[in-house]
Protein backbone atom coordinates (compact mmCIF):
# COMPACT_ATOMS: atom_id res chain seq x y z
CA UNK A 1 20.09 -19.04 -5.97
CA UNK A 2 16.38 -19.10 -7.74
CA UNK A 3 17.51 -16.38 -9.93
CA UNK A 4 20.24 -14.48 -11.12
CA UNK A 5 21.30 -11.93 -14.09
CA UNK A 6 21.36 -15.09 -16.36
CA UNK A 7 17.80 -16.50 -15.43
CA UNK A 8 15.73 -16.01 -19.05
CA UNK A 9 12.16 -15.35 -18.62
CA UNK A 10 8.94 -15.60 -20.30
CA UNK A 11 5.69 -13.41 -19.83
CA UNK A 12 2.90 -14.92 -20.40
CA UNK A 13 -0.25 -12.69 -20.62
CA UNK A 14 0.03 -9.04 -21.42
CA UNK A 15 -2.95 -7.53 -20.65
CA UNK A 16 -2.61 -3.85 -19.22
CA UNK A 17 -0.46 -5.44 -16.08
CA UNK A 18 1.29 -7.73 -17.82
CA UNK A 19 2.43 -4.95 -20.38
CA UNK A 20 3.35 -2.83 -17.68
CA UNK A 21 5.40 -5.08 -15.75
CA UNK A 22 7.80 -6.55 -18.37
CA UNK A 23 8.68 -2.94 -19.31
CA UNK A 24 10.16 -2.83 -15.49
CA UNK A 25 11.76 -6.01 -15.36
CA UNK A 26 13.48 -5.19 -19.15
CA UNK A 27 14.37 -1.82 -17.46
CA UNK A 28 15.72 -3.45 -14.49
CA UNK A 29 17.58 -6.21 -16.87
CA UNK A 30 15.81 -8.90 -16.52
CA UNK A 31 16.23 -11.25 -19.37
CA UNK A 32 12.78 -10.87 -20.81
CA UNK A 33 13.04 -13.25 -23.87
CA UNK A 34 9.41 -13.48 -25.24
CA UNK A 35 5.82 -12.64 -24.41
CA UNK A 36 2.77 -14.90 -24.92
CA UNK A 37 -0.54 -13.71 -25.69
CA UNK A 38 -3.48 -15.39 -27.64
CA UNK A 39 -4.78 -11.56 -28.89
CA UNK A 40 -1.49 -9.95 -29.95
CA UNK A 41 1.06 -10.24 -32.55
CA UNK A 42 4.29 -8.19 -32.71
CA UNK A 43 6.60 -7.11 -30.13
CA UNK A 44 6.41 -5.11 -27.20
CA UNK A 45 9.75 -3.48 -25.74
CA UNK A 46 11.53 -5.29 -28.01
CA UNK A 47 10.29 -8.42 -27.17
CA UNK A 48 8.66 -10.67 -29.62
CA UNK A 49 5.24 -12.25 -28.75
CA UNK A 50 4.23 -15.11 -29.35
CA UNK A 51 0.34 -17.12 -29.49
CA UNK A 52 1.54 -19.99 -27.62
CA UNK A 53 4.30 -20.90 -25.09
CA UNK A 54 5.52 -24.16 -27.42
CA UNK A 55 6.12 -21.16 -30.05
CA UNK A 56 7.93 -19.30 -28.04
CA UNK A 57 10.25 -21.98 -26.88
CA UNK A 58 10.90 -23.29 -29.86
CA UNK A 59 12.86 -20.15 -30.67
CA UNK A 60 14.08 -19.09 -27.09
CA UNK A 61 15.45 -20.73 -23.83
CA UNK A 62 13.68 -19.91 -20.52
CA UNK A 63 13.96 -20.78 -17.33
CA UNK A 64 10.96 -19.12 -15.78
CA UNK A 65 7.67 -17.74 -16.64
CA UNK A 66 5.16 -15.31 -14.91
CA UNK A 67 1.66 -15.05 -15.10
CA UNK A 68 -0.38 -12.37 -15.62
CA UNK A 69 -3.42 -14.53 -16.47
CA UNK A 70 -6.71 -13.75 -15.07
CA UNK A 71 -7.74 -16.53 -12.34
CA UNK A 72 -10.24 -18.21 -14.42
CA UNK A 73 -7.49 -19.13 -16.76
CA UNK A 74 -4.41 -19.18 -14.68
CA UNK A 75 -4.38 -23.22 -14.30
CA UNK A 76 -4.43 -23.86 -17.56
CA UNK A 77 -1.59 -21.57 -18.03
CA UNK A 78 0.42 -22.62 -14.89
CA UNK A 79 0.14 -25.98 -16.17
CA UNK A 80 1.45 -25.54 -19.78
CA UNK A 81 4.62 -23.91 -18.62
CA UNK A 82 5.22 -26.59 -15.87
CA UNK A 83 4.73 -29.08 -18.65
CA UNK A 84 7.31 -27.39 -21.11
CA UNK A 85 9.64 -27.60 -17.76
CA UNK A 86 9.30 -24.18 -16.54
CA UNK A 87 9.66 -22.69 -13.61
CA UNK A 88 6.83 -20.46 -12.84
CA UNK A 89 5.80 -17.10 -11.02
CA UNK A 90 2.02 -16.65 -10.79
CA UNK A 91 0.89 -12.99 -9.86
CA UNK A 92 -2.46 -13.77 -10.15
CA UNK A 93 -4.57 -13.47 -6.93
CA UNK A 94 -8.02 -15.71 -6.56
CA UNK A 95 -7.35 -18.45 -8.27
CA UNK A 96 -9.75 -21.32 -7.11
CA UNK A 97 -8.20 -23.49 -4.35
CA UNK A 98 -8.75 -26.75 -6.32
CA UNK A 99 -7.07 -25.34 -9.63
CA UNK A 100 -4.10 -24.18 -7.29
CA UNK A 101 -3.64 -27.61 -5.82
CA UNK A 102 -3.51 -28.92 -9.61
CA UNK A 103 -0.79 -26.91 -9.98
CA UNK A 104 1.00 -27.81 -7.23
CA UNK A 105 0.62 -31.31 -7.52
CA UNK A 106 1.99 -30.91 -11.47
CA UNK A 107 5.07 -28.41 -10.03
CA UNK A 108 6.29 -31.69 -7.75
CA UNK A 109 5.90 -34.28 -10.54
CA UNK A 110 8.03 -32.04 -12.59
CA UNK A 111 10.09 -30.67 -9.59
CA UNK A 112 9.85 -27.64 -10.95
CA UNK A 113 9.67 -23.93 -8.58
CA UNK A 114 6.47 -22.27 -8.44
CA UNK A 115 6.39 -19.29 -6.36
CA UNK A 116 2.58 -17.53 -5.75
CA UNK A 117 -0.18 -17.39 -6.41
CA UNK A 118 -0.97 -13.97 -5.04
CA UNK A 119 2.58 -12.59 -4.80
CA UNK A 120 4.80 -9.89 -5.87
CA UNK A 121 7.61 -11.98 -7.02
CA UNK A 122 11.26 -12.64 -6.23
CA UNK A 123 13.98 -9.88 -6.67
CA UNK A 124 18.29 -10.40 -6.45
CA UNK A 125 18.76 -6.83 -6.20
CA UNK A 126 20.89 -5.76 -8.81
CA UNK A 127 20.86 -8.99 -10.81
CA UNK A 128 17.38 -9.63 -12.22
CA UNK A 129 13.67 -9.12 -11.08
CA UNK A 130 10.76 -11.36 -11.86
CA UNK A 131 7.72 -9.81 -10.43
CA UNK A 132 5.71 -6.39 -9.57
CA UNK A 133 8.45 -5.28 -6.80
CA UNK A 134 9.43 -1.49 -7.30
CA UNK A 135 12.51 -2.23 -7.82
CA UNK A 136 14.09 0.95 -7.10
CA UNK A 137 13.28 0.99 -3.28
CA UNK A 138 16.04 -2.60 -3.27
CA UNK A 139 19.68 -2.36 -3.29
CA UNK A 140 22.24 -5.45 -3.22
CA UNK A 141 23.56 -6.36 0.38
CA UNK A 142 23.69 -9.36 2.22
CA UNK A 143 20.88 -9.92 3.96
CA UNK A 144 17.71 -12.05 2.59
CA UNK A 145 14.04 -11.19 2.88
CA UNK A 146 11.23 -14.20 2.78
CA UNK A 147 7.83 -12.52 2.93
CA UNK A 148 4.24 -13.56 2.83
CA UNK A 149 3.17 -9.89 2.69
CA UNK A 150 4.38 -7.71 -0.60
CA UNK A 151 3.54 -4.23 1.41
CA UNK A 152 5.28 -5.31 4.47
CA UNK A 153 8.30 -6.51 2.53
CA UNK A 154 8.28 -2.60 1.26
CA UNK A 155 8.31 -1.12 4.84
CA UNK A 156 10.70 -3.48 6.20
CA UNK A 157 13.07 -2.82 2.91
CA UNK A 158 12.93 0.99 3.47
CA UNK A 159 13.80 0.89 6.75
CA UNK A 160 16.76 -1.73 5.54
CA UNK A 161 17.93 1.00 3.62
CA UNK A 162 17.73 3.47 5.54
CA UNK A 163 20.11 1.70 8.17
CA UNK A 164 22.47 1.15 5.17
CA UNK A 165 21.52 -2.46 4.63
CA UNK A 166 20.87 -4.24 1.47
CA UNK A 167 19.29 -6.89 0.44
CA UNK A 168 20.82 -10.43 -1.44
CA UNK A 169 17.29 -11.62 -2.04
CA UNK A 170 13.73 -10.76 -1.74
CA UNK A 171 11.24 -13.39 -1.66
CA UNK A 172 7.30 -12.81 -1.80
CA UNK A 173 5.96 -16.23 -1.41
CA UNK A 174 2.35 -15.32 -1.44
CA UNK A 175 -0.97 -14.96 0.63
CA UNK A 176 -2.83 -17.53 -0.56
CA UNK A 177 -4.10 -20.72 1.78
CA UNK A 178 -1.95 -22.63 -0.91
CA UNK A 179 1.19 -21.85 -1.95
CA UNK A 180 4.58 -23.36 -3.70
CA UNK A 181 7.38 -22.62 -2.62
CA UNK A 182 7.68 -21.79 1.14
CA UNK A 183 9.78 -20.29 3.88
CA UNK A 184 11.31 -23.71 4.54
CA UNK A 185 12.59 -24.09 0.66
CA UNK A 186 13.94 -20.68 0.43
CA UNK A 187 15.91 -21.23 3.81
CA UNK A 188 17.35 -24.52 2.42
CA UNK A 189 18.98 -22.23 -0.41
CA UNK A 190 20.06 -19.93 1.82
CA UNK A 191 21.87 -21.25 3.90
CA UNK A 192 24.27 -22.65 1.02
CA UNK A 193 24.25 -19.02 -0.35
CA UNK A 194 27.55 -17.17 0.51
CA UNK A 195 25.84 -13.66 -0.52
CA UNK A 196 23.45 -14.14 2.45
CA UNK A 197 24.84 -13.46 6.10
CA UNK A 198 21.65 -13.12 7.69
CA UNK A 199 17.51 -13.40 7.01
CA UNK A 200 14.50 -11.62 7.62
CA UNK A 201 11.66 -13.64 7.80
CA UNK A 202 7.84 -11.73 7.61
CA UNK A 203 4.95 -13.89 8.50
CA UNK A 204 1.15 -13.51 9.10
CA UNK A 205 -1.50 -15.04 11.18
CA UNK A 206 -3.22 -18.15 9.34
CA UNK A 207 -1.53 -21.39 8.18
CA UNK A 208 1.65 -23.20 9.84
CA UNK A 209 4.25 -21.86 7.41
CA UNK A 210 6.26 -20.31 10.02
CA UNK A 211 5.94 -23.16 12.56
CA UNK A 212 7.43 -25.37 10.00
CA UNK A 213 10.11 -22.93 9.24
CA UNK A 214 11.31 -23.26 12.80
CA UNK A 215 10.91 -26.88 13.20
CA UNK A 216 13.30 -26.96 10.41
CA UNK A 217 15.77 -24.30 12.03
CA UNK A 218 15.96 -26.23 15.08
CA UNK A 219 15.97 -29.75 13.57
CA UNK A 220 19.20 -28.64 10.89
CA UNK A 221 20.63 -26.31 13.29
CA UNK A 222 20.24 -23.35 11.19
CA UNK A 223 23.74 -21.75 10.57
CA UNK A 224 22.62 -18.11 9.51
CA UNK A 225 21.08 -15.28 11.96
CA UNK A 226 17.37 -15.15 11.06
CA UNK A 227 15.25 -11.77 12.35
CA UNK A 228 11.09 -12.28 12.35
CA UNK A 229 7.86 -10.17 12.47
CA UNK A 230 4.44 -11.86 12.45
CA UNK A 231 1.63 -9.45 11.35
CA UNK A 232 -1.63 -9.90 12.91
CA UNK A 233 -1.45 -10.37 16.57
CA UNK A 234 -4.51 -8.38 17.27
CA UNK A 235 -6.64 -10.09 14.51
CA UNK A 236 -10.06 -11.87 15.29
CA UNK A 237 -10.32 -15.35 15.33
CA UNK A 238 -12.53 -16.36 12.06
CA UNK A 239 -11.91 -13.37 10.47
CA UNK A 240 -10.16 -13.36 7.08
CA UNK A 241 -7.40 -10.42 7.43
CA UNK A 242 -6.35 -9.45 3.68
CA UNK A 243 -4.44 -12.55 1.96
CA UNK A 244 -6.87 -15.51 2.09
CA UNK A 245 -4.40 -17.65 3.90
CA UNK A 246 -4.34 -15.11 6.81
CA UNK A 247 -7.03 -16.37 8.59
CA UNK A 248 -7.09 -18.03 12.27
CA UNK A 249 -8.78 -21.20 13.01
CA UNK A 250 -9.39 -21.87 16.46
CA UNK A 251 -5.77 -21.95 18.48
CA UNK A 252 -4.53 -23.01 15.36
CA UNK A 253 -2.79 -19.94 13.18
CA UNK A 254 -2.45 -18.01 15.56
CA UNK A 255 0.34 -14.75 16.23
CA UNK A 256 1.13 -16.00 19.58
CA UNK A 257 1.52 -19.59 18.19
CA UNK A 258 4.05 -18.24 15.43
CA UNK A 259 6.16 -16.22 17.72
CA UNK A 260 6.48 -18.71 20.13
CA UNK A 261 7.89 -21.79 17.79
CA UNK A 262 10.02 -18.82 15.90
CA UNK A 263 11.54 -17.84 19.41
CA UNK A 264 11.69 -21.76 20.93
CA UNK A 265 14.06 -21.74 18.07
CA UNK A 266 16.19 -19.21 18.79
CA UNK A 267 14.41 -16.52 16.22
CA UNK A 268 14.32 -12.81 18.07
CA UNK A 269 10.54 -11.78 16.93
CA UNK A 270 9.72 -8.11 16.82
CA UNK A 271 7.00 -6.88 17.97
CA UNK A 272 6.23 -3.84 15.81
CA UNK A 273 7.79 -4.05 12.23
CA UNK A 274 9.98 -0.62 13.02
CA UNK A 275 12.18 -3.29 15.86
CA UNK A 276 12.63 -5.35 12.81
CA UNK A 277 16.28 -3.88 11.57
CA UNK A 278 17.15 -3.13 15.17
CA UNK A 279 17.34 -6.73 15.69
CA UNK A 280 19.57 -7.26 12.68
CA UNK A 281 22.60 -5.89 14.97
CA UNK A 282 21.81 -7.88 18.29
C-alpha cells in the first residue's frame, strides 16, 4: 500500500495551512517526524522544525514529504525532497506546468511516488493520513476510492458511510493538467491489496486518465469490482470547469467518451453521484 500506520512524514512549509494540517494529521495518528521552514525554528505540536530538509533527514527517517509551499517555490521544494529519495504529496495548486514537468521527470528517474499537484492527499482510514482530507468523515472498510475531485470524494464517502460501507484507501490524485500518480498506478497497487474488495473511481472531464484506466482494466482482466462516476457531463467545449485539467478540447476529454470507455471495460458508471453507492451492491 502507499501508506500505513508506520509511514514517516515530513512537512515542508509551515505557514497557516501547513501548521493547521500538521496538527490535524498528527492528531489522526500520522507519524509526523519533522517540519521544514526557512523562517521558523523550535517545535510545533511537539514536532521539531529544521531550516532545511537535509537537516531534518540527518536526525529522522522519513518516507514521504507533504508540501504546503507557495506555487512559485514548490518546484524547488519538490525537487529537494525527490533528491533526498522521498515520496511527495503536493497540496499546492497553481504550479506552472513546466515546473510540474520537471518534478515528474525527476520523480520518474528516482522512482519516487508523486501525489498531486493540486490534490487533497491520501488516507488509509484508521492508519494514517497525509493531506487535507477531513479525517472524521472516513471509516475503515474494504472499498478504495480514487478521485480527481476532493469535494466529490467527500460527498461519495459520506454516502458510503450512511450505507455502512467503509474505505480501505482514499486517494485524491489531483486536478491539474499534469499529475504524478494516476488511476492506473493506484489500480496496480489495489489489485494486490487483500484489504480492498472493490473500488470507486471518480473522474471528471478533460485529459485521458479514465480512458487509460479502462484500457488497463481490459488488458489485465482486472479482478476486482469497480464502479465509477464522471463529473462534468454538461460542460461546454473549451470551458475550464474548476480544475486546470477539467477542460474539453474537441472530441477529447468529454464525459461521454470516458463513460463509453469505462463501460466497454465492464465498469458500471453512475449518471448521478447519488447512484454510485447503489452500484456497489448490484
